Amino acid sequence: MVVIEGVGRRLDPTINIWALAQPLIEEWMRSHFGPRATLERAAADVMQALRRLPRLIDNLLVVLEGERQRAEQADEVASTEARRWRPGFSEVIAVLALIAAIVAWWH
């Protein structure tokens, strides 16, 4: 606009390029930023979101399935550790008493 104004002033020193461009700029603003354009952009955004929705749901299901599998694996590990025999206090005392009896008998 500044370059056009400079050229216009050389051709006609009384020209006001901003006054000449005002109708064009107003129309451009209305077509790009007016209520109708805003609604059209919002509708396009909603349509794009609706097109992405099935992929979003699929990704969510994949994540949930992975979480379920991790939870099952954690449960399996926990149950495996629970099934593994760990000597309790009474078993340790019994084994020590047995060793003490064997050592006493041996001598």
C-alpha atoms as a PDB file:
ATOM      1  CA  MET A   1       0.000   0.000   0.000  1.00  0.00           C
ATOM      2  CA  VAL A   2       2.831   2.420   0.784  1.00  0.00           C
ATOM      3  CA  VAL A   3       4.487   1.771  -2.581  1.00  0.00           C
ATOM      4  CA  ILE A   4       1.169   2.189  -4.377  1.00  0.00           C
ATOM      5  CA  GLU A   5       0.551   5.440  -2.498  1.00  0.00           C
ATOM      6  CA  GLY A   6       3.989   6.723  -3.522  1.00  0.00           C
ATOM      7  CA  VAL A   7       3.358   5.941  -7.202  1.00  0.00           C
ATOM      8  CA  GLY A   8      -0.145   7.420  -6.984  1.00  0.00           C
ATOM      9  CA  ARG A   9       1.167  10.694  -5.467  1.00  0.00           C
ATOM     10  CA  ARG A  10       3.663  11.026  -8.323  1.00  0.00           C
ATOM     11  CA  LEU A  11       0.852  10.653 -10.852  1.00  0.00           C
ATOM     12  CA  ASP A  12      -1.631  12.835  -8.953  1.00  0.00           C
ATOM     13  CA  PRO A  13      -0.442  14.712  -5.831  1.00  0.00           C
ATOM     14  CA  THR A  14      -4.036  15.098  -4.560  1.00  0.00           C
ATOM     15  CA  ILE A  15      -4.827  11.366  -4.586  1.00  0.00           C
ATOM     16  CA  ASN A  16      -5.602   9.665  -1.276  1.00  0.00           C
ATOM     17  CA  ILE A  17      -4.911   5.965  -1.793  1.00  0.00           C
ATOM     18  CA  TRP A  18      -6.379   5.048   1.606  1.00  0.00           C
ATOM     19  CA  ALA A  19      -9.734   6.582   0.703  1.00  0.00           C
ATOM     20  CA  LEU A  20      -9.649   4.743  -2.632  1.00  0.00           C
ATOM     21  CA  ALA A  21      -8.731   1.426  -1.002  1.00  0.00           C
ATOM     22  CA  GLN A  22     -11.246   1.678   1.861  1.00  0.00           C
ATOM     23  CA  PRO A  23     -14.135  -0.110   0.061  1.00  0.00           C
ATOM     24  CA  LEU A  24     -11.824  -2.903  -1.070  1.00  0.00           C
ATOM     25  CA  ILE A  25     -10.300  -3.316   2.395  1.00  0.00           C
ATOM     26  CA  GLU A  26     -13.739  -3.289   4.051  1.00  0.00           C
ATOM     27  CA  GLU A  27     -15.001  -5.971   1.669  1.00  0.00           C
ATOM     28  CA  TRP A  28     -11.887  -8.077   2.239  1.00  0.00           C
ATOM     29  CA  MET A  29     -12.259  -7.736   6.035  1.00  0.00           C
ATOM     30  CA  ARG A  30     -15.936  -8.718   5.833  1.00  0.00           C
ATOM     31  CA  SER A  31     -15.218 -11.722   3.636  1.00  0.00           C
ATOM     32  CA  HIS A  32     -12.326 -12.962   5.791  1.00  0.00           C
ATOM     33  CA  PHE A  33     -13.196 -11.862   9.323  1.00  0.00           C
ATOM     34  CA  GLY A  34     -16.918 -11.085   9.316  1.00  0.00           C
ATOM     35  CA  PRO A  35     -19.594 -13.149  11.088  1.00  0.00           C
ATOM     36  CA  ARG A  36     -20.266 -15.325   8.046  1.00  0.00           C
ATOM     37  CA  ALA A  37     -16.556 -16.094   7.552  1.00  0.00           C
ATOM     38  CA  THR A  38     -16.215 -16.855  11.259  1.00  0.00           C
ATOM     39  CA  LEU A  39     -19.157 -19.269  11.119  1.00  0.00           C
ATOM     40  CA  GLU A  40     -17.769 -20.914   7.982  1.00  0.00           C
ATOM     41  CA  ARG A  41     -14.381 -21.427   9.678  1.00  0.00           C
ATOM     42  CA  ALA A  42     -16.092 -22.811  12.788  1.00  0.00           C
ATOM     43  CA  ALA A  43     -18.147 -25.212  10.650  1.00  0.00           C
ATOM     44  CA  ALA A  44     -15.009 -26.320   8.808  1.00  0.00           C
ATOM     45  CA  ASP A  45     -13.230 -26.903  12.139  1.00  0.00           C
ATOM     46  CA  VAL A  46     -16.165 -28.971  13.415  1.00  0.00           C
ATOM     47  CA  MET A  47     -16.210 -31.051  10.234  1.00  0.00           C
ATOM     48  CA  GLN A  48     -12.471 -31.630  10.494  1.00  0.00           C
ATOM     49  CA  ALA A  49     -12.863 -32.691  14.137  1.00  0.00           C
ATOM     50  CA  LEU A  50     -15.660 -35.084  13.168  1.00  0.00           C
ATOM     51  CA  ARG A  51     -13.456 -36.599  10.463  1.00  0.00           C
ATOM     52  CA  ARG A  52     -10.708 -37.140  13.056  1.00  0.00           C
ATOM     53  CA  LEU A  53     -13.071 -38.618  15.652  1.00  0.00           C
ATOM     54  CA  PRO A  54     -12.917 -42.270  14.463  1.00  0.00           C
ATOM     55  CA  ARG A  55      -9.105 -42.220  14.499  1.00  0.00           C
ATOM     56  CA  LEU A  56      -9.158 -40.599  17.942  1.00  0.00           C
ATOM     57  CA  ILE A  57     -11.482 -43.315  19.250  1.00  0.00           C
ATOM     58  CA  ASP A  58      -9.287 -46.033  17.731  1.00  0.00           C
ATOM     59  CA  ASN A  59      -6.190 -44.533  19.346  1.00  0.00           C
ATOM     60  CA  LEU A  60      -7.994 -44.305  22.660  1.00  0.00           C
ATOM     61  CA  LEU A  61      -9.004 -47.965  22.429  1.00  0.00           C
ATOM     62  CA  VAL A  62      -5.405 -48.949  21.644  1.00  0.00           C
ATOM     63  CA  VAL A  63      -4.171 -47.034  24.688  1.00  0.00           C
ATOM     64  CA  LEU A  64      -6.836 -48.570  26.917  1.00  0.00           C
ATOM     65  CA  GLU A  65      -6.030 -52.060  25.632  1.00  0.00           C
ATOM     66  CA  GLY A  66      -2.345 -51.481  26.351  1.00  0.00           C
ATOM     67  CA  GLU A  67      -3.181 -50.315  29.867  1.00  0.00           C
ATOM     68  CA  ARG A  68      -5.372 -53.372  30.402  1.00  0.00           C
ATOM     69  CA  GLN A  69      -2.579 -55.670  29.217  1.00  0.00           C
ATOM     70  CA  ARG A  70      -0.068 -53.939  31.513  1.00  0.00           C
ATOM     71  CA  ALA A  71      -2.462 -54.344  34.430  1.00  0.00           C
ATOM     72  CA  GLU A  72      -2.911 -58.046  33.609  1.00  0.00           C
ATOM     73  CA  GLN A  73       0.862 -58.515  33.415  1.00  0.00           C
ATOM     74  CA  ALA A  74       1.288 -56.765  36.746  1.00  0.00           C
ATOM     75  CA  ASP A  75      -1.387 -59.044  38.257  1.00  0.00           C
ATOM     76  CA  GLU A  76       0.379 -62.108  36.818  1.00  0.00           C
ATOM     77  CA  VAL A  77       3.705 -60.988  38.267  1.00  0.00           C
ATOM     78  CA  ALA A  78       2.089 -60.329  41.629  1.00  0.00           C
ATOM     79  CA  SER A  79       0.350 -63.710  41.654  1.00  0.00           C
ATOM     80  CA  THR A  80       3.577 -65.464  40.585  1.00  0.00           C
ATOM     81  CA  GLU A  81       5.448 -63.780  43.408  1.00  0.00           C
ATOM     82  CA  ALA A  82       2.656 -64.701  45.821  1.00  0.00           C
ATOM     83  CA  ARG A  83       2.841 -68.371  44.774  1.00  0.00           C
ATOM     84  CA  ARG A  84       6.597 -68.491  45.203  1.00  0.00           C
ATOM     85  CA  TRP A  85       7.523 -70.009  48.557  1.00  0.00           C
ATOM     86  CA  ARG A  86       9.131 -67.676  51.015  1.00  0.00           C
ATOM     87  CA  PRO A  87      10.160 -69.027  54.361  1.00  0.00           C
ATOM     88  CA  GLY A  88       8.372 -67.441  57.268  1.00  0.00           C
ATOM     89  CA  PHE A  89       9.791 -66.860  60.723  1.00  0.00           C
ATOM     90  CA  SER A  90       8.583 -70.212  62.056  1.00  0.00           C
ATOM     91  CA  GLU A  91      10.124 -72.136  59.152  1.00  0.00           C
ATOM     92  CA  VAL A  92      13.492 -70.402  59.652  1.00  0.00           C
ATOM     93  CA  ILE A  93      13.426 -71.271  63.372  1.00  0.00           C
ATOM     94  CA  ALA A  94      12.491 -74.881  62.588  1.00  0.00           C
ATOM     95  CA  VAL A  95      15.383 -75.223  60.107  1.00  0.00           C
ATOM     96  CA  LEU A  96      17.837 -73.665  62.581  1.00  0.00           C
ATOM     97  CA  ALA A  97      16.585 -75.999  65.327  1.00  0.00           C
ATOM     98  CA  LEU A  98      17.026 -78.988  62.995  1.00  0.00           C
ATOM     99  CA  ILE A  99      20.584 -77.876  62.133  1.00  0.00           C
ATOM    100  CA  ALA A 100      21.354 -77.380  65.841  1.00  0.00           C
ATOM    101  CA  ALA A 101      20.009 -80.870  66.619  1.00  0.00           C
ATOM    102  CA  ILE A 102      22.084 -82.449  63.846  1.00  0.00           C
ATOM    103  CA  VAL A 103      25.235 -80.610  64.988  1.00  0.00           C
ATOM    104  CA  ALA A 104      24.596 -81.663  68.630  1.00  0.00           C
ATOM    105  CA  TRP A 105      24.004 -85.270  67.668  1.00  0.00           C
ATOM    106  CA  TRP A 106      27.081 -85.311  65.464  1.00  0.00           C
ATOM    107  CA  HIS A 107      29.424 -84.259  68.285  1.00  0.00           C
END
